[in-house]
Amino acid sequence: MTGSCRRRDRGYPHLYPQTRGRLTEMGVPESEYLLHLLEKGICPWCGKNIPEGTRVGTGRKSEGGFCSLSCYGNYHALELHERARRVSDIVKRRERS
C-alpha cells in the first residue's frame, strides 16, 4: 500500500489517531506514538514491518523510524517544505543586502 496511511491498531487502540471530520486527533503525544511503533518495528507512514538494520530516520527514538526514505519524506513533507522555504527566504534576504 504505497502512499496510503494504514494504521495497525491491534492491542493498543488508544495510541492510534482518531479521525473526526477533517482533523486527526492523537490519543497520546506524537513522540510516544512514534516510539511505540519503533519498538514494534512498524513504519508510521505505510504500516509495513521494518526489516532489521534498514530503519531510516534521524536516529532519535522519539522521532521514530521508517522503512524507507520515501516514507520518511512523506511523513515529514510539510515540515521539510517549511524548512526549505525558510532557508530560501534567508538566502533571498542575504542577496538583497
C-alpha atoms as a PDB file:
ATOM      1  CA  MET A   1       0.000   0.000   0.000  1.00  0.00           C
ATOM      2  CA  THR A   2       2.360   2.710  -1.151  1.00  0.00           C
ATOM      3  CA  GLY A   3       1.289   6.273  -0.473  1.00  0.00           C
ATOM      4  CA  SER A   4      -1.538   5.492   1.904  1.00  0.00           C
ATOM      5  CA  CYS A   5      -1.526   5.827   5.647  1.00  0.00           C
ATOM      6  CA  ARG A   6      -2.549   2.467   7.031  1.00  0.00           C
ATOM      7  CA  ARG A   7      -2.524   2.101  10.822  1.00  0.00           C
ATOM      8  CA  ARG A   8      -2.383  -1.103  12.784  1.00  0.00           C
ATOM      9  CA  ASP A   9      -4.335  -0.747  15.990  1.00  0.00           C
ATOM     10  CA  ARG A  10      -4.364  -4.277  17.378  1.00  0.00           C
ATOM     11  CA  GLY A  11      -3.581  -4.266  21.069  1.00  0.00           C
ATOM     12  CA  TYR A  12      -3.089  -0.529  21.576  1.00  0.00           C
ATOM     13  CA  PRO A  13      -6.051   1.316  20.020  1.00  0.00           C
ATOM     14  CA  HIS A  14      -5.566   4.297  22.368  1.00  0.00           C
ATOM     15  CA  LEU A  15      -2.213   5.078  20.696  1.00  0.00           C
ATOM     16  CA  TYR A  16      -3.552   5.494  17.182  1.00  0.00           C
ATOM     17  CA  PRO A  17      -5.063   8.631  15.652  1.00  0.00           C
ATOM     18  CA  GLN A  18      -8.807   9.121  15.691  1.00  0.00           C
ATOM     19  CA  THR A  19     -10.234  10.888  12.648  1.00  0.00           C
ATOM     20  CA  ARG A  20     -13.067  13.322  13.267  1.00  0.00           C
ATOM     21  CA  GLY A  21     -14.150  15.209  10.163  1.00  0.00           C
ATOM     22  CA  ARG A  22     -11.050  16.639   8.533  1.00  0.00           C
ATOM     23  CA  LEU A  23      -8.917  16.664  11.702  1.00  0.00           C
ATOM     24  CA  THR A  24      -6.963  13.789  13.170  1.00  0.00           C
ATOM     25  CA  GLU A  25      -6.633  13.771  16.946  1.00  0.00           C
ATOM     26  CA  MET A  26      -3.889  11.806  18.677  1.00  0.00           C
ATOM     27  CA  GLY A  27      -4.719   9.917  21.865  1.00  0.00           C
ATOM     28  CA  VAL A  28      -1.116  10.361  23.039  1.00  0.00           C
ATOM     29  CA  PRO A  29       1.771  12.686  22.109  1.00  0.00           C
ATOM     30  CA  GLU A  30       3.243  12.068  18.668  1.00  0.00           C
ATOM     31  CA  SER A  31       6.668  11.168  20.106  1.00  0.00           C
ATOM     32  CA  GLU A  32       5.107   8.419  22.272  1.00  0.00           C
ATOM     33  CA  TYR A  33       3.175   7.099  19.266  1.00  0.00           C
ATOM     34  CA  LEU A  34       6.332   7.038  17.108  1.00  0.00           C
ATOM     35  CA  LEU A  35       8.363   5.381  19.859  1.00  0.00           C
ATOM     36  CA  HIS A  36       5.719   2.667  20.255  1.00  0.00           C
ATOM     37  CA  LEU A  37       5.787   1.914  16.515  1.00  0.00           C
ATOM     38  CA  LEU A  38       9.601   1.971  16.505  1.00  0.00           C
ATOM     39  CA  GLU A  39       9.708  -0.623  19.292  1.00  0.00           C
ATOM     40  CA  LYS A  40       7.260  -2.803  17.338  1.00  0.00           C
ATOM     41  CA  GLY A  41       9.238  -2.296  14.107  1.00  0.00           C
ATOM     42  CA  ILE A  42       6.316  -0.754  12.194  1.00  0.00           C
ATOM     43  CA  CYS A  43       6.631   2.135   9.731  1.00  0.00           C
ATOM     44  CA  PRO A  44       4.331   5.007  10.841  1.00  0.00           C
ATOM     45  CA  TRP A  45       3.616   6.035   7.241  1.00  0.00           C
ATOM     46  CA  CYS A  46       2.816   2.796   5.390  1.00  0.00           C
ATOM     47  CA  GLY A  47       2.322   0.320   8.262  1.00  0.00           C
ATOM     48  CA  LYS A  48       4.826  -2.239   6.924  1.00  0.00           C
ATOM     49  CA  ASN A  49       7.266  -4.071   9.152  1.00  0.00           C
ATOM     50  CA  ILE A  50      10.735  -2.520   9.165  1.00  0.00           C
ATOM     51  CA  PRO A  51      13.419  -5.163   8.458  1.00  0.00           C
ATOM     52  CA  GLU A  52      16.334  -5.249  10.923  1.00  0.00           C
ATOM     53  CA  GLY A  53      19.111  -2.849  10.009  1.00  0.00           C
ATOM     54  CA  THR A  54      17.133  -0.959   7.373  1.00  0.00           C
ATOM     55  CA  ARG A  55      15.412   1.672   9.520  1.00  0.00           C
ATOM     56  CA  VAL A  56      15.521   5.238   8.164  1.00  0.00           C
ATOM     57  CA  GLY A  57      15.228   8.295  10.393  1.00  0.00           C
ATOM     58  CA  THR A  58      17.105  10.875  12.401  1.00  0.00           C
ATOM     59  CA  GLY A  59      18.476   8.425  14.946  1.00  0.00           C
ATOM     60  CA  ARG A  60      16.385   9.895  17.763  1.00  0.00           C
ATOM     61  CA  LYS A  61      13.965   7.320  19.119  1.00  0.00           C
ATOM     62  CA  SER A  62      11.345   9.974  19.880  1.00  0.00           C
ATOM     63  CA  GLU A  63      11.175  10.753  16.135  1.00  0.00           C
ATOM     64  CA  GLY A  64      10.518   7.141  15.186  1.00  0.00           C
ATOM     65  CA  GLY A  65      11.859   5.055  12.344  1.00  0.00           C
ATOM     66  CA  PHE A  66      10.643   4.437   8.812  1.00  0.00           C
ATOM     67  CA  CYS A  67      11.022   1.582   6.324  1.00  0.00           C
ATOM     68  CA  SER A  68      12.285   3.837   3.523  1.00  0.00           C
ATOM     69  CA  LEU A  69      13.417   7.367   2.778  1.00  0.00           C
ATOM     70  CA  SER A  70      10.219   7.808   0.776  1.00  0.00           C
ATOM     71  CA  CYS A  71       8.063   7.081   3.840  1.00  0.00           C
ATOM     72  CA  TYR A  72      10.206   9.423   5.965  1.00  0.00           C
ATOM     73  CA  GLY A  73       9.796  12.186   3.382  1.00  0.00           C
ATOM     74  CA  ASN A  74       6.043  11.649   3.047  1.00  0.00           C
ATOM     75  CA  TYR A  75       5.526  11.692   6.829  1.00  0.00           C
ATOM     76  CA  HIS A  76       7.563  14.874   7.291  1.00  0.00           C
ATOM     77  CA  ALA A  77       6.680  16.573   3.957  1.00  0.00           C
ATOM     78  CA  LEU A  78       5.073  19.682   5.448  1.00  0.00           C
ATOM     79  CA  GLU A  79       7.870  20.192   7.970  1.00  0.00           C
ATOM     80  CA  LEU A  80      10.559  19.697   5.298  1.00  0.00           C
ATOM     81  CA  HIS A  81       8.752  22.083   2.950  1.00  0.00           C
ATOM     82  CA  GLU A  82       8.627  24.761   5.684  1.00  0.00           C
ATOM     83  CA  ARG A  83      12.354  24.347   6.399  1.00  0.00           C
ATOM     84  CA  ALA A  84      13.192  24.698   2.703  1.00  0.00           C
ATOM     85  CA  ARG A  85      11.033  27.828   2.453  1.00  0.00           C
ATOM     86  CA  ARG A  86      12.773  29.409   5.460  1.00  0.00           C
ATOM     87  CA  VAL A  87      16.231  28.676   4.011  1.00  0.00           C
ATOM     88  CA  SER A  88      15.125  30.163   0.691  1.00  0.00           C
ATOM     89  CA  ASP A  89      13.881  33.308   2.468  1.00  0.00           C
ATOM     90  CA  ILE A  90      17.205  33.677   4.320  1.00  0.00           C
ATOM     91  CA  VAL A  91      19.182  33.322   1.076  1.00  0.00           C
ATOM     92  CA  LYS A  92      16.979  35.929  -0.651  1.00  0.00           C
ATOM     93  CA  ARG A  93      17.434  38.399   2.227  1.00  0.00           C
ATOM     94  CA  ARG A  94      21.205  37.992   2.140  1.00  0.00           C
ATOM     95  CA  GLU A  95      21.260  38.527  -1.629  1.00  0.00           C
ATOM     96  CA  ARG A  96      19.369  41.812  -1.243  1.00  0.00           C
ATOM     97  CA  SER A  97      21.722  43.193   1.389  1.00  0.00           C
END
